[in-house]
């Protein structure tokens, strides 16, 4: 279902972007970088966090970590990642395939400024072996994401 919803999203909103399915898992930054022949930093990982009663998604580069001070200044609370079992229920995507495309429920989406270091980044595409190659600005445009600065690189 998840991979299907991402393919449908791109079919409707960006038919020029192909979902790439590999034979091997790309569920971690290291595996994805190896599979797609890019630097780990070029992997666009999507973090699912809880802010009060809401779930938000932050897309950041693969080698970035959340900066707790920046995060708290932006969202007014400590960063709380969703539990493993909550991720798929909230996004429709399995852990390792989470992306801001083809979501099961509407969520606020943020793109971290760290993504702008690259012309092309590689976010997952709804499955642990699927991804797309896309410009970071295009991610923001397609998902209605807001640009923020909450990572340390």
N, C-alpha and C. Protein backbone atom coordinates (compact mmCIF):
# COMPACT_ATOMS: atom_id res chain seq x y z
N UNK A 1 0.82 -1.20 0.00
CA UNK A 1 0.00 0.00 0.00
C UNK A 1 0.87 1.26 0.00
N UNK A 2 1.88 1.31 0.84
CA UNK A 2 2.68 2.50 0.99
C UNK A 2 3.41 2.88 -0.30
N UNK A 3 4.10 1.93 -0.88
CA UNK A 3 4.80 2.18 -2.14
C UNK A 3 3.80 2.61 -3.21
N UNK A 4 2.65 1.99 -3.21
CA UNK A 4 1.59 2.34 -4.15
C UNK A 4 1.14 3.78 -3.97
N UNK A 5 0.97 4.21 -2.72
CA UNK A 5 0.51 5.58 -2.48
C UNK A 5 1.57 6.60 -2.91
N UNK A 6 2.85 6.27 -2.76
CA UNK A 6 3.91 7.17 -3.20
C UNK A 6 3.94 7.23 -4.73
N UNK A 7 3.83 6.09 -5.38
CA UNK A 7 3.80 6.08 -6.85
C UNK A 7 2.61 6.88 -7.37
N UNK A 8 1.48 6.74 -6.71
CA UNK A 8 0.29 7.49 -7.12
C UNK A 8 0.52 8.99 -6.90
N UNK A 9 1.14 9.35 -5.78
CA UNK A 9 1.45 10.76 -5.51
C UNK A 9 2.27 11.35 -6.64
N UNK A 10 3.33 10.65 -7.04
CA UNK A 10 4.19 11.18 -8.11
C UNK A 10 3.48 11.15 -9.46
N UNK A 11 2.67 10.16 -9.70
CA UNK A 11 1.91 10.10 -10.94
C UNK A 11 1.01 11.32 -11.09
N UNK A 12 0.41 11.74 -9.98
CA UNK A 12 -0.51 12.87 -9.99
C UNK A 12 0.19 14.23 -9.94
N UNK A 13 1.27 14.34 -9.16
CA UNK A 13 1.87 15.64 -8.87
C UNK A 13 3.20 15.91 -9.56
N UNK A 14 3.91 14.86 -9.94
CA UNK A 14 5.23 15.02 -10.56
C UNK A 14 5.54 13.81 -11.43
N UNK A 15 4.83 13.64 -12.54
CA UNK A 15 5.02 12.45 -13.38
C UNK A 15 6.42 12.32 -13.97
N UNK A 16 7.22 13.38 -13.89
CA UNK A 16 8.59 13.34 -14.40
C UNK A 16 9.54 12.64 -13.42
N UNK A 17 9.09 12.36 -12.21
CA UNK A 17 9.94 11.71 -11.20
C UNK A 17 9.59 10.24 -11.10
N UNK A 18 10.60 9.40 -11.26
CA UNK A 18 10.41 7.96 -11.19
C UNK A 18 10.78 7.43 -9.80
N UNK A 19 9.97 6.52 -9.30
CA UNK A 19 10.31 5.81 -8.07
C UNK A 19 11.26 4.69 -8.46
N UNK A 20 12.41 4.65 -7.79
CA UNK A 20 13.44 3.66 -8.07
C UNK A 20 13.35 2.55 -7.03
N UNK A 21 13.16 1.32 -7.49
CA UNK A 21 13.10 0.17 -6.60
C UNK A 21 14.36 -0.66 -6.80
N UNK A 22 15.10 -0.87 -5.71
CA UNK A 22 16.30 -1.69 -5.77
C UNK A 22 16.00 -3.08 -5.23
N UNK A 23 16.87 -4.02 -5.54
CA UNK A 23 16.71 -5.38 -5.05
C UNK A 23 17.07 -5.49 -3.57
N UNK A 24 18.01 -4.67 -3.12
CA UNK A 24 18.46 -4.73 -1.73
C UNK A 24 17.76 -3.66 -0.88
N UNK A 25 17.81 -3.84 0.42
CA UNK A 25 17.23 -2.88 1.34
C UNK A 25 18.03 -1.58 1.32
N UNK A 26 17.30 -0.49 1.44
CA UNK A 26 17.91 0.83 1.59
C UNK A 26 17.32 1.50 2.84
N UNK A 27 17.03 0.68 3.85
CA UNK A 27 16.32 1.13 5.04
C UNK A 27 17.15 2.01 5.97
N UNK A 28 18.47 2.03 5.81
CA UNK A 28 19.30 2.91 6.63
C UNK A 28 20.01 3.90 5.71
N UNK A 29 20.53 4.95 6.29
CA UNK A 29 21.25 5.94 5.50
C UNK A 29 22.42 5.29 4.78
N UNK A 30 23.18 4.47 5.49
CA UNK A 30 24.35 3.82 4.88
C UNK A 30 23.95 2.91 3.72
N UNK A 31 22.92 2.10 3.92
CA UNK A 31 22.46 1.20 2.85
C UNK A 31 21.91 1.98 1.66
N UNK A 32 21.17 3.04 1.94
CA UNK A 32 20.61 3.84 0.86
C UNK A 32 21.71 4.54 0.06
N UNK A 33 22.70 5.08 0.76
CA UNK A 33 23.80 5.75 0.06
C UNK A 33 24.55 4.78 -0.83
N UNK A 34 24.82 3.60 -0.30
CA UNK A 34 25.51 2.57 -1.08
C UNK A 34 24.67 2.15 -2.29
N UNK A 35 23.40 1.90 -2.07
CA UNK A 35 22.52 1.43 -3.13
C UNK A 35 22.33 2.44 -4.26
N UNK A 36 22.35 3.72 -3.91
CA UNK A 36 22.10 4.76 -4.91
C UNK A 36 23.37 5.46 -5.37
N UNK A 37 24.52 5.02 -4.83
CA UNK A 37 25.79 5.58 -5.27
C UNK A 37 25.98 7.04 -4.94
N UNK A 38 25.51 7.44 -3.76
CA UNK A 38 25.65 8.83 -3.33
C UNK A 38 26.30 8.88 -1.95
N UNK A 39 26.67 10.07 -1.52
CA UNK A 39 27.20 10.26 -0.18
C UNK A 39 26.07 10.07 0.84
N UNK A 40 26.37 9.60 2.04
CA UNK A 40 25.33 9.48 3.07
C UNK A 40 24.58 10.80 3.31
N UNK A 41 25.28 11.92 3.22
CA UNK A 41 24.63 13.21 3.44
C UNK A 41 23.54 13.50 2.41
N UNK A 42 23.63 12.90 1.22
CA UNK A 42 22.63 13.12 0.16
C UNK A 42 21.34 12.36 0.39
N UNK A 43 21.34 11.43 1.32
CA UNK A 43 20.11 10.73 1.65
C UNK A 43 19.23 11.70 2.43
N UNK A 44 18.00 11.85 2.03
CA UNK A 44 17.07 12.74 2.72
C UNK A 44 16.22 11.90 3.66
N UNK A 45 16.62 11.87 4.92
CA UNK A 45 15.87 11.05 5.88
C UNK A 45 14.69 11.85 6.43
N UNK A 46 13.60 11.14 6.64
CA UNK A 46 12.38 11.76 7.16
C UNK A 46 12.16 11.28 8.58
N UNK A 47 12.14 12.24 9.50
CA UNK A 47 11.94 11.95 10.92
C UNK A 47 10.49 12.25 11.29
N UNK A 48 9.86 11.33 12.01
CA UNK A 48 8.48 11.52 12.48
C UNK A 48 8.53 11.82 13.97
N UNK A 49 8.01 12.99 14.33
CA UNK A 49 8.07 13.44 15.72
C UNK A 49 6.71 13.87 16.21
N UNK A 50 6.55 13.83 17.52
CA UNK A 50 5.31 14.28 18.15
C UNK A 50 5.54 15.64 18.78
N UNK A 51 4.66 16.58 18.46
CA UNK A 51 4.66 17.90 19.06
C UNK A 51 3.28 18.09 19.67
N UNK A 52 3.19 17.92 20.99
CA UNK A 52 1.88 17.94 21.63
C UNK A 52 1.05 16.78 21.12
N UNK A 53 -0.13 17.08 20.60
CA UNK A 53 -1.00 16.04 20.04
C UNK A 53 -0.78 15.81 18.55
N UNK A 54 0.09 16.61 17.96
CA UNK A 54 0.33 16.54 16.52
C UNK A 54 1.57 15.72 16.18
N UNK A 55 1.56 15.19 14.96
CA UNK A 55 2.73 14.52 14.41
C UNK A 55 3.26 15.41 13.29
N UNK A 56 4.58 15.62 13.31
CA UNK A 56 5.21 16.39 12.24
C UNK A 56 6.28 15.52 11.58
N UNK A 57 6.61 15.87 10.36
CA UNK A 57 7.69 15.20 9.64
C UNK A 57 8.76 16.22 9.31
N UNK A 58 10.01 15.89 9.60
CA UNK A 58 11.13 16.74 9.26
C UNK A 58 12.04 15.96 8.32
N UNK A 59 12.28 16.52 7.15
CA UNK A 59 13.19 15.91 6.18
C UNK A 59 14.53 16.62 6.31
N UNK A 60 15.56 15.85 6.57
CA UNK A 60 16.89 16.41 6.77
C UNK A 60 17.91 15.55 6.05
N UNK A 61 19.12 16.06 5.90
CA UNK A 61 20.11 15.26 5.19
C UNK A 61 20.57 14.09 6.06
N UNK A 62 21.07 13.07 5.39
CA UNK A 62 21.35 11.80 6.04
C UNK A 62 22.35 11.82 7.16
N UNK A 63 23.30 12.72 7.12
CA UNK A 63 24.31 12.75 8.17
C UNK A 63 24.00 13.78 9.26
N UNK A 64 22.85 14.40 9.19
CA UNK A 64 22.49 15.43 10.17
C UNK A 64 21.80 14.82 11.38
N UNK A 65 21.99 15.48 12.50
CA UNK A 65 21.29 15.12 13.73
C UNK A 65 20.48 16.33 14.15
N UNK A 66 19.37 16.08 14.84
CA UNK A 66 18.59 17.20 15.34
C UNK A 66 19.40 17.94 16.40
N UNK A 67 19.38 19.24 16.33
CA UNK A 67 20.00 20.09 17.34
C UNK A 67 18.89 20.40 18.35
N UNK A 68 19.03 19.87 19.55
CA UNK A 68 17.96 19.99 20.55
C UNK A 68 17.61 21.43 20.87
N UNK A 69 18.60 22.31 20.94
CA UNK A 69 18.32 23.72 21.25
C UNK A 69 17.55 24.39 20.12
N UNK A 70 17.96 24.15 18.88
CA UNK A 70 17.26 24.73 17.73
C UNK A 70 15.83 24.19 17.65
N UNK A 71 15.69 22.89 17.88
CA UNK A 71 14.38 22.26 17.81
C UNK A 71 13.44 22.86 18.85
N UNK A 72 13.93 22.96 20.08
CA UNK A 72 13.10 23.50 21.16
C UNK A 72 12.74 24.96 20.90
N UNK A 73 13.69 25.73 20.37
CA UNK A 73 13.41 27.13 20.04
C UNK A 73 12.32 27.23 18.97
N UNK A 74 12.32 26.31 18.02
CA UNK A 74 11.34 26.34 16.91
C UNK A 74 9.98 25.80 17.31
N UNK A 75 9.96 24.69 18.06
CA UNK A 75 8.70 24.02 18.36
C UNK A 75 8.24 24.16 19.81
N UNK A 76 9.07 24.75 20.67
CA UNK A 76 8.67 25.00 22.04
C UNK A 76 8.61 23.78 22.92
N UNK A 77 9.22 22.70 22.48
CA UNK A 77 9.21 21.46 23.25
C UNK A 77 10.42 20.63 22.88
N UNK A 78 10.70 19.63 23.69
CA UNK A 78 11.78 18.69 23.43
C UNK A 78 11.38 17.75 22.28
N UNK A 79 12.35 17.37 21.47
CA UNK A 79 12.08 16.45 20.36
C UNK A 79 11.67 15.08 20.89
N UNK A 80 10.54 14.57 20.41
CA UNK A 80 10.06 13.23 20.78
C UNK A 80 9.74 12.45 19.51
N UNK A 81 10.63 11.51 19.20
CA UNK A 81 10.41 10.67 18.01
C UNK A 81 9.20 9.76 18.26
N UNK A 82 8.49 9.45 17.20
CA UNK A 82 7.39 8.49 17.31
C UNK A 82 7.96 7.11 17.62
N UNK A 83 7.20 6.32 18.33
CA UNK A 83 7.58 4.93 18.57
C UNK A 83 7.52 4.15 17.27
N UNK A 84 8.31 3.11 17.20
CA UNK A 84 8.40 2.26 16.02
C UNK A 84 7.02 1.85 15.51
N UNK A 85 6.13 1.47 16.45
CA UNK A 85 4.80 1.00 16.08
C UNK A 85 3.87 2.13 15.63
N UNK A 86 4.17 3.37 16.00
CA UNK A 86 3.33 4.50 15.62
C UNK A 86 3.62 5.02 14.22
N UNK A 87 4.84 4.82 13.76
CA UNK A 87 5.28 5.43 12.51
C UNK A 87 4.39 5.04 11.34
N UNK A 88 4.19 3.76 11.13
CA UNK A 88 3.40 3.31 9.99
C UNK A 88 1.93 3.72 10.11
N UNK A 89 1.39 3.69 11.33
CA UNK A 89 0.00 4.11 11.53
C UNK A 89 -0.19 5.58 11.16
N UNK A 90 0.78 6.41 11.48
CA UNK A 90 0.67 7.85 11.22
C UNK A 90 1.01 8.23 9.78
N UNK A 91 2.02 7.58 9.20
CA UNK A 91 2.48 7.99 7.87
C UNK A 91 1.98 7.09 6.74
N UNK A 92 1.68 5.84 7.09
CA UNK A 92 1.34 4.86 6.06
C UNK A 92 2.56 4.18 5.50
N UNK A 93 3.76 4.56 5.98
CA UNK A 93 5.01 4.02 5.48
C UNK A 93 5.74 3.26 6.59
N UNK A 94 6.42 2.18 6.23
CA UNK A 94 7.18 1.44 7.22
C UNK A 94 8.46 2.19 7.60
N UNK A 95 8.96 1.92 8.79
CA UNK A 95 10.25 2.47 9.18
C UNK A 95 11.27 2.02 8.15
N UNK A 96 12.10 2.93 7.68
CA UNK A 96 13.05 2.64 6.61
C UNK A 96 12.52 3.04 5.25
N UNK A 97 11.24 3.35 5.17
CA UNK A 97 10.63 3.79 3.93
C UNK A 97 9.85 5.09 4.09
N UNK A 98 9.97 5.70 5.27
CA UNK A 98 9.20 6.91 5.56
C UNK A 98 9.66 8.06 4.69
N UNK A 99 8.69 8.77 4.14
CA UNK A 99 8.96 9.93 3.28
C UNK A 99 7.78 10.88 3.41
N UNK A 100 7.89 12.08 2.88
CA UNK A 100 6.79 13.04 2.98
C UNK A 100 5.76 12.93 1.86
N UNK A 101 5.84 11.90 1.04
CA UNK A 101 4.97 11.74 -0.12
C UNK A 101 3.95 10.63 0.12
N UNK A 102 2.73 10.80 -0.38
CA UNK A 102 1.73 9.73 -0.31
C UNK A 102 1.38 9.31 1.10
N UNK A 103 1.23 10.27 1.98
CA UNK A 103 0.98 9.98 3.40
C UNK A 103 -0.44 9.47 3.65
N UNK A 104 -0.58 8.64 4.69
CA UNK A 104 -1.88 8.10 5.07
C UNK A 104 -2.76 9.17 5.71
N UNK A 105 -2.12 10.13 6.39
CA UNK A 105 -2.82 11.22 7.07
C UNK A 105 -2.08 12.52 6.77
N UNK A 106 -2.79 13.64 6.77
CA UNK A 106 -2.07 14.92 6.58
C UNK A 106 -1.24 15.27 7.81
N UNK A 107 -0.01 15.67 7.59
CA UNK A 107 0.88 16.10 8.67
C UNK A 107 1.64 17.33 8.20
N UNK A 108 2.03 18.17 9.15
CA UNK A 108 2.90 19.30 8.81
C UNK A 108 4.26 18.74 8.44
N UNK A 109 4.81 19.27 7.34
CA UNK A 109 6.09 18.80 6.84
C UNK A 109 7.07 19.96 6.83
N UNK A 110 8.29 19.66 7.26
CA UNK A 110 9.36 20.66 7.32
C UNK A 110 10.57 20.09 6.61
N UNK A 111 11.26 20.94 5.86
CA UNK A 111 12.53 20.56 5.25
C UNK A 111 13.63 21.34 5.96
N UNK A 112 14.63 20.63 6.43
CA UNK A 112 15.74 21.29 7.10
C UNK A 112 16.66 21.92 6.07
N UNK A 113 17.19 23.09 6.41
CA UNK A 113 18.08 23.81 5.50
C UNK A 113 19.30 23.00 5.09
N UNK A 114 19.65 21.99 5.88
CA UNK A 114 20.82 21.15 5.56
C UNK A 114 20.68 20.48 4.19
N UNK A 115 19.45 20.27 3.74
CA UNK A 115 19.23 19.63 2.43
C UNK A 115 19.74 20.48 1.28
N UNK A 116 19.79 21.79 1.47
CA UNK A 116 20.15 22.69 0.38
C UNK A 116 21.62 22.60 -0.02
N UNK A 117 22.41 21.79 0.68
CA UNK A 117 23.81 21.60 0.32
C UNK A 117 23.94 20.81 -0.99
N UNK A 118 22.87 20.17 -1.43
CA UNK A 118 22.91 19.31 -2.62
C UNK A 118 21.83 19.70 -3.62
N UNK A 119 22.15 19.53 -4.90
CA UNK A 119 21.16 19.77 -5.95
C UNK A 119 20.17 18.61 -6.03
N UNK A 120 20.66 17.41 -5.73
CA UNK A 120 19.82 16.21 -5.75
C UNK A 120 19.99 15.47 -4.43
N UNK A 121 18.87 15.10 -3.81
CA UNK A 121 18.88 14.28 -2.61
C UNK A 121 18.03 13.04 -2.88
N UNK A 122 18.16 12.06 -1.99
CA UNK A 122 17.50 10.78 -2.22
C UNK A 122 16.66 10.38 -1.00
N UNK A 123 15.39 10.78 -0.99
CA UNK A 123 14.51 10.33 0.08
C UNK A 123 13.92 8.96 -0.24
N UNK A 124 13.52 8.25 0.80
CA UNK A 124 12.82 6.98 0.62
C UNK A 124 11.51 7.25 -0.13
N UNK A 125 10.87 6.18 -0.56
CA UNK A 125 9.63 6.32 -1.33
C UNK A 125 8.58 5.29 -0.89
N UNK A 126 8.41 5.16 0.43
CA UNK A 126 7.32 4.33 0.92
C UNK A 126 7.62 2.86 1.11
N UNK A 127 8.84 2.43 0.84
CA UNK A 127 9.23 1.03 1.05
C UNK A 127 10.71 1.02 1.41
N UNK A 128 11.16 -0.06 2.01
CA UNK A 128 12.55 -0.14 2.46
C UNK A 128 13.55 -0.37 1.33
N UNK A 129 13.06 -0.43 0.11
CA UNK A 129 13.97 -0.57 -1.04
C UNK A 129 13.64 0.42 -2.16
N UNK A 130 12.85 1.45 -1.83
CA UNK A 130 12.42 2.39 -2.86
C UNK A 130 12.82 3.82 -2.49
N UNK A 131 13.14 4.61 -3.50
CA UNK A 131 13.55 6.00 -3.30
C UNK A 131 13.30 6.79 -4.57
N UNK A 132 13.50 8.10 -4.46
CA UNK A 132 13.47 8.99 -5.62
C UNK A 132 14.70 9.88 -5.56
N UNK A 133 15.10 10.37 -6.72
CA UNK A 133 16.18 11.36 -6.81
C UNK A 133 15.49 12.67 -7.14
N UNK A 134 15.66 13.68 -6.27
CA UNK A 134 14.87 14.89 -6.38
C UNK A 134 15.62 16.09 -5.83
N UNK A 135 15.35 17.26 -6.37
CA UNK A 135 15.92 18.50 -5.85
C UNK A 135 15.22 18.84 -4.53
N UNK A 136 15.96 19.27 -3.52
CA UNK A 136 15.33 19.59 -2.23
C UNK A 136 14.20 20.62 -2.33
N UNK A 137 14.38 21.63 -3.16
CA UNK A 137 13.33 22.64 -3.30
C UNK A 137 12.05 22.01 -3.85
N UNK A 138 12.21 21.03 -4.70
CA UNK A 138 11.04 20.34 -5.27
C UNK A 138 10.30 19.55 -4.20
N UNK A 139 11.04 18.96 -3.24
CA UNK A 139 10.37 18.28 -2.12
C UNK A 139 9.46 19.27 -1.41
N UNK A 140 10.01 20.43 -1.08
CA UNK A 140 9.23 21.44 -0.37
C UNK A 140 8.01 21.88 -1.17
N UNK A 141 8.21 22.11 -2.46
CA UNK A 141 7.10 22.55 -3.31
C UNK A 141 6.00 21.49 -3.40
N UNK A 142 6.38 20.24 -3.60
CA UNK A 142 5.40 19.17 -3.77
C UNK A 142 4.63 18.84 -2.49
N UNK A 143 5.26 19.06 -1.34
CA UNK A 143 4.65 18.67 -0.07
C UNK A 143 4.13 19.85 0.74
N UNK A 144 4.39 21.07 0.28
CA UNK A 144 3.99 22.24 1.04
C UNK A 144 4.82 22.42 2.30
N UNK A 145 6.05 21.92 2.26
CA UNK A 145 6.92 21.96 3.44
C UNK A 145 7.42 23.37 3.71
N UNK A 146 7.66 23.63 4.97
CA UNK A 146 8.28 24.87 5.41
C UNK A 146 9.76 24.60 5.66
N UNK A 147 10.61 25.54 5.24
CA UNK A 147 12.04 25.40 5.48
C UNK A 147 12.36 25.86 6.89
N UNK A 148 13.13 25.03 7.62
CA UNK A 148 13.53 25.36 8.99
C UNK A 148 14.99 24.98 9.19
N UNK A 149 15.57 25.45 10.29
CA UNK A 149 16.95 25.11 10.64
C UNK A 149 16.94 24.48 12.02
N UNK A 150 16.92 23.13 12.05
CA UNK A 150 16.90 22.42 13.34
C UNK A 150 17.94 21.31 13.43
N UNK A 151 18.91 21.32 12.52
CA UNK A 151 19.88 20.22 12.57
C UNK A 151 21.28 20.74 12.85
N UNK A 152 22.11 19.82 13.30
CA UNK A 152 23.54 20.05 13.39
C UNK A 152 24.16 19.11 12.38
N UNK A 153 25.09 19.58 11.60
CA UNK A 153 25.68 18.70 10.58
C UNK A 153 27.16 18.53 10.81
